[in-house]
Protein backbone atom coordinates (compact mmCIF):
# COMPACT_ATOMS: atom_id res chain seq x y z
CA MET A 1 0.00 0.00 0.00
CA SER A 2 1.28 3.47 -0.87
CA LEU A 3 0.00 6.99 -1.40
CA ALA A 4 1.19 6.69 -4.99
CA ALA A 5 -1.14 3.73 -5.59
CA ILE A 6 -4.07 5.61 -4.06
CA GLY A 7 -3.21 8.69 -6.08
CA ALA A 8 -3.13 6.71 -9.32
CA ALA A 9 -6.55 5.19 -8.61
CA ALA A 10 -8.00 8.57 -7.60
CA ALA A 11 -6.65 10.24 -10.74
CA ALA A 12 -9.03 8.15 -12.87
CA HIS A 13 -11.84 10.12 -11.19
CA ARG A 14 -10.05 13.48 -11.41
CA LEU A 15 -9.19 13.46 -7.70
CA PHE A 16 -5.77 13.79 -6.09
CA VAL A 17 -4.22 13.06 -2.71
CA SER A 18 -4.20 16.51 -1.09
CA GLY A 19 -2.73 15.47 2.25
CA ALA A 20 -2.21 12.55 4.58
CA PHE A 21 -1.18 12.00 8.18
CA HIS A 22 -0.97 9.39 10.91
CA PRO A 23 -3.78 10.29 13.30
CA THR A 24 -3.80 10.09 17.08
CA PRO A 25 -6.98 9.37 19.09
CA ALA A 26 -7.42 13.13 19.59
CA ASP A 27 -7.83 13.70 15.84
CA GLY A 28 -11.28 12.15 15.67
CA ALA A 29 -10.49 9.55 13.00
CA PRO A 30 -12.15 6.14 13.20
CA PRO A 31 -10.51 3.82 15.75
CA GLY A 32 -7.77 1.74 14.18
CA THR A 33 -6.88 4.31 11.50
CA GLY A 34 -3.19 4.14 10.62
CA THR A 35 -3.26 6.80 7.90
CA LEU A 36 -5.91 9.34 6.96
CA VAL A 37 -5.72 10.26 3.27
CA LEU A 38 -7.49 13.41 2.02
CA LEU A 39 -8.88 13.61 -1.52
CA SER A 40 -9.55 16.81 -3.49
CA PRO A 41 -10.57 17.89 -7.00
CA ASP A 42 -7.72 17.50 -9.50
CA GLU A 43 -7.76 20.63 -11.63
CA PRO A 44 -7.84 21.37 -14.44
CA GLY A 45 -10.31 18.75 -15.58
CA PHE A 46 -12.30 17.87 -12.49
CA TRP A 47 -15.42 19.88 -13.26
CA PRO A 48 -16.06 18.66 -16.84
CA HIS A 49 -15.51 15.10 -15.61
CA VAL A 50 -17.88 15.26 -12.66
CA ALA A 51 -20.52 17.35 -14.45
CA ALA A 52 -20.83 14.53 -17.00
CA ALA A 53 -21.51 11.95 -14.27
CA PRO A 54 -24.98 10.37 -13.92
CA GLU A 55 -25.57 12.16 -10.60
CA PHE A 56 -25.70 15.47 -12.49
CA ALA A 57 -28.30 14.17 -14.96
CA ASP A 58 -30.99 12.73 -12.69
CA ALA A 59 -32.33 16.01 -11.18
CA ALA A 60 -32.00 14.61 -7.64
CA PRO A 61 -30.48 16.90 -4.98
CA ASP A 62 -26.83 17.03 -3.94
CA PRO A 63 -25.28 15.57 -7.11
CA LEU A 64 -21.68 16.37 -6.13
CA ASP A 65 -22.04 14.79 -2.71
CA ARG A 66 -23.68 11.71 -4.22
CA TRP A 67 -20.89 11.45 -6.80
CA SER A 68 -18.29 11.73 -4.03
CA THR A 69 -20.04 9.03 -2.00
CA ARG A 70 -20.08 6.65 -4.95
CA VAL A 71 -16.55 7.26 -6.18
CA ILE A 72 -14.73 7.54 -2.87
CA GLY A 73 -16.79 4.67 -1.48
CA ALA A 74 -15.49 2.49 -4.34
CA LEU A 75 -11.92 3.60 -3.64
CA ALA A 76 -12.40 2.67 0.01
CA LEU A 77 -13.48 -0.84 -0.97
CA ARG A 78 -10.49 -1.17 -3.30
CA PHE A 79 -8.01 -0.21 -0.59
CA ALA A 80 -9.75 -1.85 2.39
CA ALA A 81 -10.34 1.60 3.90
CA THR A 82 -13.22 3.51 5.45
CA ALA A 83 -14.69 6.35 3.38
CA LEU A 84 -15.23 9.63 5.24
CA PHE A 85 -16.97 12.78 4.01
CA PRO A 86 -17.23 16.48 4.98
CA PHE A 87 -21.00 16.38 4.37
CA GLY A 88 -23.84 14.27 5.75
CA GLY A 89 -23.81 15.68 9.29
CA PRO A 90 -24.46 16.53 11.97
CA PRO A 91 -22.23 15.43 13.49
CA TRP A 92 -19.65 16.87 11.12
CA LEU A 93 -16.23 15.33 10.73
CA PRO A 94 -13.31 17.72 11.45
CA PHE A 95 -12.01 18.09 7.89
CA TYR A 96 -10.69 21.60 8.61
CA ASP A 97 -8.51 20.22 11.40
CA TRP A 98 -7.53 17.18 9.33
CA ALA A 99 -6.36 19.42 6.50
CA LEU A 100 -4.19 21.35 8.95
CA ARG A 101 -2.82 18.10 10.42
CA SER A 102 -1.80 16.92 6.97
CA GLY A 103 0.77 19.70 6.74
CA GLU A 104 -0.37 20.55 3.21
CA ALA A 105 -2.93 23.22 4.18
CA TRP A 106 -2.79 26.25 6.47
CA ARG A 107 -5.09 28.87 7.94
CA ALA A 108 -4.92 31.85 5.59
CA PRO A 109 -5.13 35.49 6.76
CA VAL A 110 -8.84 35.41 5.88
CA SER A 111 -9.41 32.28 8.03
CA PHE A 112 -10.19 29.98 5.10
CA LEU A 113 -7.84 27.10 4.46
CA VAL A 114 -5.14 27.63 1.85
CA HIS A 115 -3.47 24.64 0.20
CA HIS A 116 -0.05 24.67 -1.42
CA ARG A 117 -1.54 23.53 -4.76
CA MET A 118 -5.20 24.65 -4.61
CA GLY A 119 -4.65 28.01 -2.97
CA LEU A 120 -7.86 29.41 -1.49
CA TRP A 121 -9.89 27.17 -3.82
CA ALA A 122 -9.00 24.41 -1.36
CA SER A 123 -11.74 21.84 -0.93
CA TRP A 124 -11.98 18.21 0.09
CA ARG A 125 -14.41 15.72 -1.39
CA GLY A 126 -13.65 13.03 1.16
CA ALA A 127 -11.00 10.95 2.88
CA LEU A 128 -9.86 7.36 3.22
CA ALA A 129 -9.08 5.95 6.67
CA LEU A 130 -6.48 3.23 6.06
CA PRO A 131 -5.71 0.63 8.71
CA GLU A 132 -1.97 0.74 8.01
CA ALA A 133 0.54 3.56 8.53
CA VAL A 134 1.90 4.27 5.05
CA ALA A 135 4.94 6.38 4.24
CA LEU A 136 4.24 10.10 4.00
CA PRO A 137 5.88 12.65 1.66
CA ALA A 138 7.90 15.66 2.77
CA ARG A 139 5.68 18.55 3.80
CA PRO A 140 5.59 21.58 1.47
CA GLN A 141 5.83 25.23 2.42
CA SER A 142 2.77 27.42 2.89
CA PRO A 143 2.17 29.74 -0.09
CA CYS A 144 1.32 32.50 2.40
CA ILE A 145 4.94 32.81 3.57
CA SER A 146 6.07 34.76 0.51
CA CYS A 147 2.69 36.32 -0.34
CA ALA A 148 1.57 39.95 0.08
CA ALA A 149 -1.86 38.61 1.09
CA PRO A 150 -4.16 40.34 -1.43
CA CYS A 151 -6.94 38.18 0.04
CA ARG A 152 -6.99 40.49 3.09
CA THR A 153 -8.53 43.39 1.18
CA ALA A 154 -10.33 41.61 -1.66
CA CYS A 155 -13.68 41.22 0.12
CA PRO A 156 -15.68 44.46 -0.40
CA VAL A 157 -17.56 44.07 2.88
CA ALA A 158 -14.70 42.65 4.96
CA ALA A 159 -16.70 39.52 5.72
CA LEU A 160 -13.43 37.60 5.99
CA GLY A 161 -10.60 38.15 8.42
CA PRO A 162 -8.52 36.75 11.26
CA ALA A 163 -11.57 36.63 13.53
CA GLY A 164 -13.41 34.33 11.13
CA TYR A 165 -16.11 34.49 8.48
CA ASN A 166 -19.19 36.71 8.80
CA VAL A 167 -21.61 34.62 6.74
CA ALA A 168 -24.54 37.04 7.17
CA ASP A 169 -22.57 39.97 5.75
CA CYS A 170 -21.46 37.81 2.85
CA HIS A 171 -25.03 36.83 1.98
CA ARG A 172 -26.21 40.45 2.20
CA PHE A 173 -23.48 41.51 -0.22
CA LEU A 174 -24.37 38.73 -2.66
CA ASP A 175 -27.92 40.10 -2.77
CA THR A 176 -26.64 43.39 -4.24
CA PRO A 177 -25.64 44.09 -7.86
CA ALA A 178 -22.01 44.40 -6.74
CA GLY A 179 -22.15 40.79 -5.57
CA ASP A 180 -22.69 39.46 -9.10
CA ALA A 181 -18.96 38.95 -9.69
CA CYS A 182 -18.65 36.68 -6.64
CA LEU A 183 -21.79 34.79 -7.66
CA SER A 184 -20.54 34.27 -11.20
CA PHE A 185 -16.84 33.67 -10.64
CA GLY A 186 -16.48 32.71 -6.97
CA CYS A 187 -15.47 34.50 -3.80
CA GLY A 188 -13.33 37.56 -4.52
CA ALA A 189 -10.92 36.76 -1.71
CA ARG A 190 -10.38 33.25 -3.04
CA ARG A 191 -9.82 34.63 -6.55
CA ALA A 192 -7.27 37.14 -5.26
CA CYS A 193 -4.98 34.40 -3.94
CA PRO A 194 -1.99 33.92 -6.30
CA ALA A 195 -1.93 30.20 -5.54
CA SER A 196 -5.60 29.98 -6.54
CA ALA A 197 -4.81 31.47 -9.95
CA ALA A 198 -2.44 28.61 -10.77
CA TYR A 199 -4.94 25.88 -9.87
CA GLY A 200 -7.06 25.95 -13.03
CA ARG A 201 -10.52 25.90 -11.47
CA LEU A 202 -13.26 26.88 -13.94
CA ALA A 203 -15.57 29.79 -13.26
CA GLY A 204 -18.54 27.52 -13.96
CA GLN A 205 -17.63 25.32 -11.02
CA SER A 206 -17.35 28.33 -8.71
CA ALA A 207 -20.71 29.65 -9.93
CA TRP A 208 -22.33 26.28 -9.23
CA HIS A 209 -20.97 26.21 -5.68
CA MET A 210 -22.06 29.79 -5.08
CA ARG A 211 -25.61 28.90 -6.16
CA GLN A 212 -25.65 26.07 -3.61
CA PHE A 213 -24.32 28.42 -0.93
CA HIS A 214 -26.54 31.43 -1.67
CA LYS A 215 -30.01 29.94 -1.99
């Protein structure tokens, strides 16, 4: 068993291994977990792939979550693991904390998670709890270290900051004409992140997520 083998299997579904760590009991992983492996959208290419899946054609709710359940559930069976998801609660699994524990994501100045590859477009579709402790790669450096942090001032209503995320202010802004850019292209703070720009996420995917968020 190796992260490379999991990564190769996940790549067929346009997912990639976005972090992994050996959990302790305090991390909230299932008992007996030797390695927790996080899976994220592999861009560019994830959105066209998933949007063509049957879950997006049947008009039933939550197509992306249902796709994730099917695909990551199958990967779990293949690798004798337990599939875990950031949706389906309460109770909610601590994916934010797990991403930090992986050493491949950090708390950005605007409180959202930033990933060394995904930038502020960081998201996790699920995780695999493996029974064995597999070898882990060297941990990368946070992209925030050498960044001027344009995310700090990109939100017109300062809904994001070190103190957290003011969801109510964000929704109020999205209800105004000035909020159309965020609704169509994704959160302005996320777009301002230089690491986000290199990730290749399509505006159509961001618009879809914003529609789910701002109903």
